């Protein structure tokens, strides 16, 4: 289930030791969770304006994500790219990622770098 919000939201999360938490996050993601996370990223980058946050949840696996496109620009190859803030939470562990995604010729967004 997804919600859109223009307001900044902050989640209160208890974090553990990062390497252990990151390993738990990676090992706990099922293929269907990964597919939903990638689908949400594609949708947010394509449909949302700068500063709008997409919030999605998978209650059965206790997985949640927030995606916030921040700004758009053209790279050296002329592709449309967007700075994006993405966070994934699994139980009490949250991983925040800041990156850039660029739109490929086929219309899909690819994470740069």
N, C-alpha and C. Protein backbone atom coordinates (compact mmCIF):
# COMPACT_ATOMS: atom_id res chain seq x y z
N UNK A 1 0.85 -1.17 0.00
CA UNK A 1 0.00 0.00 0.00
C UNK A 1 0.89 1.22 0.00
N UNK A 2 0.62 2.19 -0.83
CA UNK A 2 1.48 3.35 -0.96
C UNK A 2 0.71 4.61 -0.60
N UNK A 3 1.42 5.56 0.00
CA UNK A 3 0.86 6.86 0.31
C UNK A 3 1.82 7.90 -0.24
N UNK A 4 1.28 9.03 -0.67
CA UNK A 4 2.12 10.12 -1.13
C UNK A 4 1.98 11.26 -0.14
N UNK A 5 3.07 11.94 0.15
CA UNK A 5 3.03 13.05 1.07
C UNK A 5 4.09 14.06 0.70
N UNK A 6 3.73 15.32 0.64
CA UNK A 6 4.70 16.37 0.36
C UNK A 6 5.46 16.77 1.60
N UNK A 7 4.98 16.40 2.76
CA UNK A 7 5.63 16.77 4.01
C UNK A 7 6.72 15.76 4.36
N UNK A 8 7.77 16.27 4.95
CA UNK A 8 8.87 15.39 5.38
C UNK A 8 8.40 14.56 6.56
N UNK A 9 8.64 13.28 6.52
CA UNK A 9 8.25 12.40 7.61
C UNK A 9 9.51 11.77 8.20
N UNK A 10 9.55 11.65 9.51
CA UNK A 10 10.69 11.05 10.18
C UNK A 10 10.19 9.84 10.96
N UNK A 11 10.82 8.71 10.76
CA UNK A 11 10.42 7.49 11.46
C UNK A 11 11.32 7.31 12.67
N UNK A 12 10.74 6.99 13.79
CA UNK A 12 11.52 6.67 14.99
C UNK A 12 11.91 5.20 14.89
N UNK A 13 13.19 4.96 14.76
CA UNK A 13 13.67 3.60 14.55
C UNK A 13 14.82 3.32 15.51
N UNK A 14 14.79 2.17 16.14
CA UNK A 14 15.89 1.73 16.97
C UNK A 14 16.87 1.01 16.06
N UNK A 15 18.10 1.49 16.01
CA UNK A 15 19.07 0.88 15.11
C UNK A 15 20.04 0.03 15.89
N UNK A 16 20.43 -1.06 15.29
CA UNK A 16 21.43 -1.93 15.88
C UNK A 16 22.78 -1.65 15.25
N UNK A 17 23.75 -2.51 15.49
CA UNK A 17 25.06 -2.40 14.87
C UNK A 17 24.87 -2.54 13.37
N UNK A 18 25.32 -1.57 12.58
CA UNK A 18 24.98 -1.51 11.17
C UNK A 18 25.35 -2.75 10.36
N UNK A 19 26.57 -3.28 10.41
CA UNK A 19 26.84 -4.45 9.58
C UNK A 19 25.90 -5.61 9.86
N UNK A 20 25.62 -5.87 11.12
CA UNK A 20 24.71 -6.96 11.46
C UNK A 20 23.31 -6.64 10.94
N UNK A 21 22.86 -5.40 11.14
CA UNK A 21 21.54 -5.00 10.67
C UNK A 21 21.43 -5.05 9.16
N UNK A 22 22.47 -4.60 8.46
CA UNK A 22 22.46 -4.63 7.01
C UNK A 22 22.43 -6.07 6.50
N UNK A 23 23.21 -6.94 7.11
CA UNK A 23 23.18 -8.35 6.71
C UNK A 23 21.81 -8.95 6.96
N UNK A 24 21.19 -8.61 8.09
CA UNK A 24 19.85 -9.11 8.39
C UNK A 24 18.86 -8.60 7.36
N UNK A 25 19.00 -7.34 6.97
CA UNK A 25 18.10 -6.78 5.97
C UNK A 25 18.25 -7.51 4.64
N UNK A 26 19.48 -7.66 4.19
CA UNK A 26 19.72 -8.34 2.90
C UNK A 26 19.23 -9.78 2.91
N UNK A 27 19.55 -10.50 3.99
CA UNK A 27 19.20 -11.92 4.02
C UNK A 27 17.70 -12.15 4.23
N UNK A 28 17.02 -11.15 4.78
CA UNK A 28 15.59 -11.31 5.05
C UNK A 28 14.70 -10.93 3.87
N UNK A 29 15.25 -10.25 2.89
CA UNK A 29 14.44 -9.83 1.75
C UNK A 29 14.18 -11.01 0.82
N UNK A 30 12.93 -11.29 0.61
CA UNK A 30 12.55 -12.33 -0.34
C UNK A 30 12.55 -11.71 -1.73
N UNK A 31 12.53 -12.54 -2.74
CA UNK A 31 12.51 -12.05 -4.11
C UNK A 31 11.31 -11.13 -4.34
N UNK A 32 10.17 -11.48 -3.77
CA UNK A 32 8.97 -10.64 -3.94
C UNK A 32 9.15 -9.28 -3.27
N UNK A 33 9.87 -9.24 -2.13
CA UNK A 33 10.15 -7.96 -1.47
C UNK A 33 11.05 -7.09 -2.34
N UNK A 34 12.06 -7.70 -2.92
CA UNK A 34 12.96 -6.96 -3.81
C UNK A 34 12.20 -6.40 -5.00
N UNK A 35 11.32 -7.22 -5.57
CA UNK A 35 10.54 -6.79 -6.73
C UNK A 35 9.65 -5.61 -6.38
N UNK A 36 9.01 -5.65 -5.21
CA UNK A 36 8.15 -4.55 -4.79
C UNK A 36 8.97 -3.28 -4.56
N UNK A 37 10.15 -3.42 -3.93
CA UNK A 37 11.01 -2.27 -3.68
C UNK A 37 11.45 -1.62 -4.98
N UNK A 38 11.83 -2.42 -5.96
CA UNK A 38 12.25 -1.88 -7.26
C UNK A 38 11.08 -1.26 -8.01
N UNK A 39 9.92 -1.88 -7.93
CA UNK A 39 8.73 -1.34 -8.59
C UNK A 39 8.35 0.01 -7.98
N UNK A 40 8.45 0.12 -6.66
CA UNK A 40 8.15 1.39 -5.99
C UNK A 40 9.13 2.47 -6.41
N UNK A 41 10.41 2.11 -6.55
CA UNK A 41 11.41 3.07 -6.98
C UNK A 41 11.12 3.56 -8.39
N UNK A 42 10.81 2.65 -9.31
CA UNK A 42 10.48 3.03 -10.68
C UNK A 42 9.28 3.98 -10.71
N UNK A 43 8.24 3.64 -9.94
CA UNK A 43 7.04 4.46 -9.91
C UNK A 43 7.32 5.85 -9.34
N UNK A 44 8.05 5.91 -8.24
CA UNK A 44 8.34 7.20 -7.61
C UNK A 44 9.13 8.11 -8.53
N UNK A 45 10.15 7.55 -9.19
CA UNK A 45 10.98 8.36 -10.08
C UNK A 45 10.22 8.83 -11.31
N UNK A 46 9.28 8.03 -11.78
CA UNK A 46 8.52 8.37 -12.98
C UNK A 46 7.35 9.30 -12.68
N UNK A 47 6.66 9.06 -11.57
CA UNK A 47 5.38 9.73 -11.31
C UNK A 47 5.43 10.91 -10.34
N UNK A 48 6.38 10.93 -9.41
CA UNK A 48 6.35 11.94 -8.36
C UNK A 48 7.19 13.16 -8.68
N UNK A 49 6.72 14.31 -8.22
CA UNK A 49 7.49 15.53 -8.35
C UNK A 49 8.57 15.61 -7.29
N UNK A 50 9.49 16.55 -7.47
CA UNK A 50 10.56 16.74 -6.49
C UNK A 50 9.97 17.06 -5.12
N UNK A 51 10.51 16.43 -4.10
CA UNK A 51 10.10 16.69 -2.73
C UNK A 51 8.91 15.89 -2.24
N UNK A 52 8.28 15.11 -3.12
CA UNK A 52 7.13 14.29 -2.72
C UNK A 52 7.64 12.91 -2.30
N UNK A 53 7.14 12.40 -1.19
CA UNK A 53 7.60 11.12 -0.65
C UNK A 53 6.57 10.02 -0.89
N UNK A 54 7.05 8.91 -1.42
CA UNK A 54 6.23 7.70 -1.56
C UNK A 54 6.55 6.80 -0.38
N UNK A 55 5.53 6.37 0.34
CA UNK A 55 5.70 5.45 1.46
C UNK A 55 5.01 4.15 1.10
N UNK A 56 5.72 3.03 1.23
CA UNK A 56 5.11 1.72 0.94
C UNK A 56 5.45 0.76 2.06
N UNK A 57 4.57 -0.24 2.22
CA UNK A 57 4.74 -1.22 3.31
C UNK A 57 4.37 -2.61 2.84
N UNK A 58 5.06 -3.60 3.40
CA UNK A 58 4.70 -5.02 3.22
C UNK A 58 4.55 -5.59 4.62
N UNK A 59 3.37 -5.48 5.21
CA UNK A 59 3.17 -5.91 6.60
C UNK A 59 3.57 -7.35 6.88
N UNK A 60 3.35 -8.25 5.94
CA UNK A 60 3.66 -9.66 6.18
C UNK A 60 5.15 -9.88 6.44
N UNK A 61 6.01 -9.11 5.77
CA UNK A 61 7.46 -9.28 5.97
C UNK A 61 8.06 -8.18 6.84
N UNK A 62 7.22 -7.29 7.37
CA UNK A 62 7.67 -6.18 8.21
C UNK A 62 8.64 -5.26 7.48
N UNK A 63 8.49 -5.17 6.17
CA UNK A 63 9.35 -4.32 5.34
C UNK A 63 8.59 -3.06 4.97
N UNK A 64 9.29 -1.93 5.01
CA UNK A 64 8.70 -0.65 4.62
C UNK A 64 9.75 0.17 3.91
N UNK A 65 9.31 1.08 3.08
CA UNK A 65 10.24 1.94 2.36
C UNK A 65 9.69 3.33 2.17
N UNK A 66 10.61 4.27 2.01
CA UNK A 66 10.28 5.66 1.69
C UNK A 66 11.19 6.08 0.55
N UNK A 67 10.59 6.69 -0.46
CA UNK A 67 11.36 7.15 -1.62
C UNK A 67 11.00 8.60 -1.86
N UNK A 68 12.02 9.45 -1.93
CA UNK A 68 11.79 10.88 -2.13
C UNK A 68 12.71 11.40 -3.23
N UNK A 69 12.18 11.59 -4.44
CA UNK A 69 12.98 12.26 -5.47
C UNK A 69 13.22 13.71 -5.03
N UNK A 70 14.47 14.17 -5.15
CA UNK A 70 14.83 15.48 -4.64
C UNK A 70 14.96 16.51 -5.75
N UNK A 71 15.69 16.18 -6.81
CA UNK A 71 15.89 17.13 -7.91
C UNK A 71 16.23 16.37 -9.18
N UNK A 72 15.97 17.02 -10.31
CA UNK A 72 16.25 16.41 -11.62
C UNK A 72 17.31 17.22 -12.36
N UNK A 73 18.05 16.53 -13.22
CA UNK A 73 19.07 17.19 -14.04
C UNK A 73 19.38 16.29 -15.23
N UNK A 74 20.14 16.80 -16.19
CA UNK A 74 20.60 15.98 -17.32
C UNK A 74 22.08 15.69 -17.12
N UNK A 75 22.46 14.43 -17.35
CA UNK A 75 23.87 14.06 -17.20
C UNK A 75 24.63 14.35 -18.49
N UNK A 76 25.91 13.97 -18.53
CA UNK A 76 26.78 14.23 -19.69
C UNK A 76 26.28 13.54 -20.95
N UNK A 77 25.49 12.47 -20.79
CA UNK A 77 24.97 11.73 -21.93
C UNK A 77 23.59 12.24 -22.36
N UNK A 78 23.09 13.26 -21.68
CA UNK A 78 21.79 13.83 -22.01
C UNK A 78 20.61 13.13 -21.38
N UNK A 79 20.88 12.13 -20.53
CA UNK A 79 19.79 11.41 -19.87
C UNK A 79 19.20 12.25 -18.74
N UNK A 80 17.91 12.08 -18.50
CA UNK A 80 17.28 12.71 -17.34
C UNK A 80 17.67 11.88 -16.11
N UNK A 81 18.19 12.56 -15.10
CA UNK A 81 18.60 11.89 -13.87
C UNK A 81 17.92 12.59 -12.69
N UNK A 82 17.81 11.87 -11.60
CA UNK A 82 17.20 12.44 -10.40
C UNK A 82 18.01 12.03 -9.17
N UNK A 83 18.23 13.02 -8.30
CA UNK A 83 18.76 12.71 -6.97
C UNK A 83 17.60 12.12 -6.19
N UNK A 84 17.87 11.07 -5.43
CA UNK A 84 16.79 10.40 -4.70
C UNK A 84 17.26 9.98 -3.31
N UNK A 85 16.36 10.10 -2.34
CA UNK A 85 16.59 9.60 -0.99
C UNK A 85 15.69 8.38 -0.83
N UNK A 86 16.27 7.28 -0.38
CA UNK A 86 15.52 6.02 -0.27
C UNK A 86 15.86 5.43 1.09
N UNK A 87 14.84 4.99 1.80
CA UNK A 87 15.11 4.27 3.04
C UNK A 87 14.31 2.99 3.04
N UNK A 88 14.94 1.94 3.53
CA UNK A 88 14.29 0.64 3.71
C UNK A 88 14.36 0.30 5.18
N UNK A 89 13.26 -0.17 5.72
CA UNK A 89 13.22 -0.58 7.13
C UNK A 89 12.69 -1.99 7.22
N UNK A 90 13.37 -2.79 8.02
CA UNK A 90 12.96 -4.16 8.28
C UNK A 90 12.95 -4.33 9.79
N UNK A 91 11.77 -4.43 10.35
CA UNK A 91 11.68 -4.51 11.81
C UNK A 91 12.24 -3.23 12.42
N UNK A 92 13.28 -3.36 13.25
CA UNK A 92 13.85 -2.20 13.92
C UNK A 92 15.07 -1.64 13.21
N UNK A 93 15.47 -2.23 12.09
CA UNK A 93 16.64 -1.75 11.37
C UNK A 93 16.21 -0.89 10.19
N UNK A 94 16.87 0.24 10.00
CA UNK A 94 16.59 1.11 8.86
C UNK A 94 17.89 1.46 8.15
N UNK A 95 17.89 1.37 6.84
CA UNK A 95 19.04 1.73 6.02
C UNK A 95 18.62 2.89 5.12
N UNK A 96 19.33 4.01 5.21
CA UNK A 96 19.04 5.17 4.37
C UNK A 96 20.09 5.26 3.27
N UNK A 97 19.61 5.53 2.07
CA UNK A 97 20.48 5.59 0.90
C UNK A 97 20.21 6.90 0.17
N UNK A 98 21.27 7.58 -0.23
CA UNK A 98 21.13 8.76 -1.07
C UNK A 98 21.86 8.45 -2.36
N UNK A 99 21.22 8.68 -3.49
CA UNK A 99 21.87 8.34 -4.74
C UNK A 99 21.27 9.08 -5.92
N UNK A 100 21.68 8.63 -7.09
CA UNK A 100 21.23 9.21 -8.36
C UNK A 100 20.73 8.07 -9.24
N UNK A 101 19.60 8.29 -9.87
CA UNK A 101 19.06 7.34 -10.83
C UNK A 101 18.87 8.07 -12.15
N UNK A 102 19.20 7.40 -13.26
CA UNK A 102 19.06 8.00 -14.58
C UNK A 102 18.13 7.15 -15.43
N UNK A 103 17.34 7.83 -16.26
CA UNK A 103 16.37 7.14 -17.11
C UNK A 103 17.06 6.62 -18.36
N UNK A 104 16.93 5.32 -18.59
CA UNK A 104 17.53 4.67 -19.75
C UNK A 104 16.63 4.85 -20.98
N UNK A 105 17.13 4.49 -22.15
CA UNK A 105 16.37 4.61 -23.39
C UNK A 105 15.08 3.80 -23.35
N UNK A 106 15.07 2.69 -22.61
CA UNK A 106 13.88 1.85 -22.53
C UNK A 106 12.84 2.38 -21.55
N UNK A 107 13.13 3.53 -20.91
CA UNK A 107 12.19 4.14 -19.98
C UNK A 107 12.37 3.75 -18.53
N UNK A 108 13.18 2.73 -18.27
CA UNK A 108 13.43 2.31 -16.89
C UNK A 108 14.51 3.17 -16.26
N UNK A 109 14.44 3.30 -14.96
CA UNK A 109 15.43 4.06 -14.20
C UNK A 109 16.51 3.11 -13.70
N UNK A 110 17.75 3.54 -13.82
CA UNK A 110 18.89 2.74 -13.35
C UNK A 110 19.67 3.57 -12.34
N UNK A 111 20.04 2.93 -11.24
CA UNK A 111 20.84 3.61 -10.23
C UNK A 111 22.23 3.83 -10.79
N UNK A 112 22.70 5.08 -10.73
CA UNK A 112 24.03 5.42 -11.25
C UNK A 112 25.08 5.01 -10.23
N UNK A 113 26.22 4.52 -10.75
CA UNK A 113 27.35 4.19 -9.89
C UNK A 113 27.33 2.86 -9.38
